[in-house]
Amino acid sequence: MIKSIEEIYIYESPDGGKTVYRRLSGSPTAREMVREDPECQYIEQWNYWRDILKTAKNNTTLSDAIHKAEMIYNLIKNQSI
């Protein structure tokens, strides 16, 4: 008689430990991220903002929002000096 079933996780890292995923044993595709290198997150966010800035060239609403964000940033930056 089996009294308990233990879930066994397989841990994998495609980039030498910077990003770590886990999946249930026997599940070849369903996985979840356990850890991500903060540097990778920074690069992804940098690329995201690059795309936002490119899109803003042809979108006045987005361009105005970026301009407002820049003004807020400058006000905060000048307060800390």
N, C-alpha and C. Protein backbone atom coordinates (compact mmCIF):
# COMPACT_ATOMS: atom_id res chain seq x y z
N MET A 1 0.84 -1.16 0.00
CA MET A 1 0.00 0.00 0.00
C MET A 1 0.90 1.25 0.00
N ILE A 2 0.58 2.24 -0.87
CA ILE A 2 1.31 3.50 -0.94
C ILE A 2 0.64 4.49 0.01
N LYS A 3 1.43 5.02 0.94
CA LYS A 3 0.87 5.94 1.93
C LYS A 3 1.01 7.40 1.49
N SER A 4 1.99 7.72 0.68
CA SER A 4 2.14 9.10 0.21
C SER A 4 2.79 9.11 -1.16
N ILE A 5 2.52 10.17 -1.86
CA ILE A 5 3.13 10.36 -3.17
C ILE A 5 3.98 11.62 -3.08
N GLU A 6 5.23 11.46 -3.39
CA GLU A 6 6.15 12.60 -3.32
C GLU A 6 6.37 13.12 -4.73
N GLU A 7 6.22 14.44 -4.89
CA GLU A 7 6.51 15.05 -6.17
C GLU A 7 8.01 15.24 -6.29
N ILE A 8 8.55 14.81 -7.39
CA ILE A 8 9.99 14.94 -7.62
C ILE A 8 10.20 15.97 -8.72
N TYR A 9 10.99 17.00 -8.40
CA TYR A 9 11.28 18.05 -9.37
C TYR A 9 12.65 17.85 -9.98
N ILE A 10 12.73 18.15 -11.25
CA ILE A 10 13.99 18.18 -11.99
C ILE A 10 14.34 19.65 -12.17
N TYR A 11 15.55 20.04 -11.80
CA TYR A 11 16.01 21.42 -11.94
C TYR A 11 16.95 21.51 -13.14
N GLU A 12 16.72 22.54 -13.97
CA GLU A 12 17.51 22.70 -15.19
C GLU A 12 17.92 24.16 -15.34
N SER A 13 19.08 24.37 -15.94
CA SER A 13 19.56 25.71 -16.22
C SER A 13 20.17 25.73 -17.61
N PRO A 14 19.56 26.46 -18.53
CA PRO A 14 20.10 26.51 -19.89
C PRO A 14 21.31 27.43 -20.04
N ASP A 15 21.61 28.22 -18.99
CA ASP A 15 22.67 29.22 -19.11
C ASP A 15 23.70 29.14 -17.99
N GLY A 16 23.97 27.95 -17.52
CA GLY A 16 25.02 27.76 -16.53
C GLY A 16 24.69 28.27 -15.14
N GLY A 17 23.42 28.32 -14.79
CA GLY A 17 23.03 28.68 -13.44
C GLY A 17 22.47 30.08 -13.27
N LYS A 18 22.51 30.89 -14.33
CA LYS A 18 21.95 32.24 -14.21
C LYS A 18 20.43 32.20 -14.10
N THR A 19 19.83 31.34 -14.87
CA THR A 19 18.38 31.15 -14.82
C THR A 19 18.13 29.68 -14.49
N VAL A 20 17.26 29.41 -13.52
CA VAL A 20 16.99 28.03 -13.12
C VAL A 20 15.49 27.77 -13.23
N TYR A 21 15.17 26.66 -13.88
CA TYR A 21 13.79 26.22 -14.03
C TYR A 21 13.61 24.90 -13.30
N ARG A 22 12.36 24.60 -12.92
CA ARG A 22 12.06 23.28 -12.38
C ARG A 22 10.82 22.76 -13.07
N ARG A 23 10.75 21.43 -13.17
CA ARG A 23 9.59 20.76 -13.73
C ARG A 23 9.38 19.45 -12.99
N LEU A 24 8.16 18.99 -12.99
CA LEU A 24 7.88 17.70 -12.36
C LEU A 24 8.51 16.59 -13.17
N SER A 25 9.04 15.61 -12.48
CA SER A 25 9.63 14.46 -13.16
C SER A 25 8.56 13.83 -14.04
N GLY A 26 8.91 13.56 -15.28
CA GLY A 26 7.97 12.96 -16.22
C GLY A 26 7.24 13.99 -17.07
N SER A 27 7.40 15.26 -16.77
CA SER A 27 6.78 16.32 -17.55
C SER A 27 7.87 16.98 -18.40
N PRO A 28 7.91 16.70 -19.68
CA PRO A 28 9.01 17.20 -20.51
C PRO A 28 8.94 18.70 -20.82
N THR A 29 7.75 19.31 -20.74
CA THR A 29 7.65 20.70 -21.17
C THR A 29 7.17 21.67 -20.11
N ALA A 30 6.28 21.27 -19.23
CA ALA A 30 5.73 22.21 -18.25
C ALA A 30 6.77 22.52 -17.18
N ARG A 31 7.27 23.76 -17.19
CA ARG A 31 8.28 24.13 -16.21
C ARG A 31 8.00 25.54 -15.70
N GLU A 32 8.61 25.85 -14.56
CA GLU A 32 8.45 27.17 -13.98
C GLU A 32 9.82 27.71 -13.60
N MET A 33 9.96 29.03 -13.71
CA MET A 33 11.22 29.66 -13.36
C MET A 33 11.35 29.73 -11.84
N VAL A 34 12.51 29.32 -11.35
CA VAL A 34 12.79 29.34 -9.92
C VAL A 34 13.67 30.54 -9.57
N ARG A 35 14.63 30.84 -10.43
CA ARG A 35 15.57 31.94 -10.17
C ARG A 35 16.01 32.53 -11.49
N GLU A 36 16.15 33.85 -11.49
CA GLU A 36 16.66 34.53 -12.67
C GLU A 36 17.72 35.53 -12.25
N ASP A 37 18.79 35.58 -12.99
CA ASP A 37 19.88 36.51 -12.73
C ASP A 37 19.37 37.94 -12.89
N PRO A 38 19.58 38.79 -11.89
CA PRO A 38 19.11 40.19 -11.99
C PRO A 38 19.65 40.91 -13.22
N GLU A 39 20.84 40.55 -13.66
CA GLU A 39 21.40 41.17 -14.86
C GLU A 39 20.54 40.84 -16.08
N CYS A 40 20.01 39.62 -16.16
CA CYS A 40 19.13 39.24 -17.27
C CYS A 40 17.86 40.06 -17.25
N GLN A 41 17.31 40.30 -16.06
CA GLN A 41 16.10 41.10 -15.93
C GLN A 41 16.37 42.53 -16.41
N TYR A 42 17.53 43.07 -16.06
CA TYR A 42 17.89 44.41 -16.48
C TYR A 42 17.97 44.50 -18.00
N ILE A 43 18.58 43.53 -18.62
CA ILE A 43 18.72 43.54 -20.08
C ILE A 43 17.36 43.45 -20.75
N GLU A 44 16.48 42.58 -20.22
CA GLU A 44 15.12 42.46 -20.78
C GLU A 44 14.38 43.78 -20.65
N GLN A 45 14.49 44.45 -19.50
CA GLN A 45 13.81 45.72 -19.30
C GLN A 45 14.39 46.80 -20.22
N TRP A 46 15.69 46.79 -20.41
CA TRP A 46 16.34 47.74 -21.31
C TRP A 46 15.80 47.57 -22.73
N ASN A 47 15.69 46.31 -23.19
CA ASN A 47 15.16 46.05 -24.52
C ASN A 47 13.70 46.47 -24.63
N TYR A 48 12.93 46.26 -23.57
CA TYR A 48 11.52 46.65 -23.53
C TYR A 48 11.39 48.16 -23.70
N TRP A 49 12.20 48.93 -22.94
CA TRP A 49 12.16 50.38 -23.05
C TRP A 49 12.63 50.87 -24.42
N ARG A 50 13.58 50.19 -25.00
CA ARG A 50 14.03 50.54 -26.37
C ARG A 50 12.85 50.44 -27.34
N ASP A 51 12.06 49.37 -27.21
CA ASP A 51 10.90 49.19 -28.08
C ASP A 51 9.84 50.25 -27.81
N ILE A 52 9.66 50.62 -26.55
CA ILE A 52 8.71 51.68 -26.20
C ILE A 52 9.13 52.99 -26.85
N LEU A 53 10.42 53.32 -26.76
CA LEU A 53 10.91 54.57 -27.35
C LEU A 53 10.75 54.58 -28.87
N LYS A 54 10.99 53.44 -29.52
CA LYS A 54 10.79 53.35 -30.97
C LYS A 54 9.33 53.56 -31.33
N THR A 55 8.43 52.96 -30.56
CA THR A 55 7.00 53.08 -30.82
C THR A 55 6.52 54.51 -30.60
N ALA A 56 7.11 55.19 -29.61
CA ALA A 56 6.71 56.56 -29.28
C ALA A 56 6.98 57.54 -30.42
N LYS A 57 7.89 57.21 -31.32
CA LYS A 57 8.18 58.09 -32.45
C LYS A 57 6.94 58.30 -33.32
N ASN A 58 6.05 57.31 -33.36
CA ASN A 58 4.86 57.38 -34.21
C ASN A 58 3.57 57.41 -33.40
N ASN A 59 3.65 57.61 -32.09
CA ASN A 59 2.47 57.60 -31.24
C ASN A 59 2.56 58.76 -30.26
N THR A 60 1.73 59.80 -30.48
CA THR A 60 1.83 61.00 -29.66
C THR A 60 1.43 60.74 -28.21
N THR A 61 0.47 59.86 -27.97
CA THR A 61 0.06 59.57 -26.59
C THR A 61 1.22 58.96 -25.81
N LEU A 62 1.89 57.99 -26.42
CA LEU A 62 3.03 57.36 -25.77
C LEU A 62 4.19 58.35 -25.62
N SER A 63 4.41 59.16 -26.63
CA SER A 63 5.47 60.15 -26.58
C SER A 63 5.22 61.15 -25.44
N ASP A 64 3.98 61.60 -25.28
CA ASP A 64 3.64 62.51 -24.18
C ASP A 64 3.87 61.85 -22.82
N ALA A 65 3.50 60.60 -22.69
CA ALA A 65 3.68 59.88 -21.42
C ALA A 65 5.17 59.76 -21.09
N ILE A 66 5.99 59.48 -22.08
CA ILE A 66 7.44 59.39 -21.86
C ILE A 66 8.00 60.75 -21.44
N HIS A 67 7.52 61.81 -22.10
CA HIS A 67 7.97 63.16 -21.74
C HIS A 67 7.63 63.47 -20.28
N LYS A 68 6.43 63.10 -19.84
CA LYS A 68 6.03 63.31 -18.45
C LYS A 68 6.92 62.50 -17.50
N ALA A 69 7.20 61.26 -17.86
CA ALA A 69 8.07 60.41 -17.03
C ALA A 69 9.46 61.01 -16.93
N GLU A 70 9.96 61.58 -18.03
CA GLU A 70 11.28 62.22 -18.00
C GLU A 70 11.27 63.43 -17.09
N MET A 71 10.20 64.22 -17.12
CA MET A 71 10.11 65.38 -16.23
C MET A 71 10.10 64.95 -14.76
N ILE A 72 9.34 63.92 -14.44
CA ILE A 72 9.30 63.41 -13.07
C ILE A 72 10.67 62.91 -12.64
N TYR A 73 11.33 62.17 -13.52
CA TYR A 73 12.68 61.67 -13.22
C TYR A 73 13.64 62.82 -12.93
N ASN A 74 13.59 63.86 -13.77
CA ASN A 74 14.49 65.00 -13.58
C ASN A 74 14.20 65.72 -12.28
N LEU A 75 12.94 65.84 -11.92
CA LEU A 75 12.59 66.48 -10.64
C LEU A 75 13.14 65.67 -9.46
N ILE A 76 12.99 64.37 -9.51
CA ILE A 76 13.49 63.50 -8.45
C ILE A 76 15.01 63.55 -8.40
N LYS A 77 15.62 63.50 -9.54
CA LYS A 77 17.09 63.52 -9.62
C LYS A 77 17.64 64.83 -9.05
N ASN A 78 17.00 65.96 -9.38
CA ASN A 78 17.46 67.26 -8.90
C ASN A 78 17.22 67.42 -7.41
N GLN A 79 16.22 66.76 -6.85
CA GLN A 79 15.99 66.84 -5.41
C GLN A 79 17.07 66.13 -4.62
N SER A 80 17.66 65.10 -5.19
CA SER A 80 18.66 64.32 -4.45
C SER A 80 20.06 64.92 -4.54
N ILE A 81 20.22 65.98 -5.27
CA ILE A 81 21.55 66.62 -5.41
C ILE A 81 21.82 67.50 -4.22
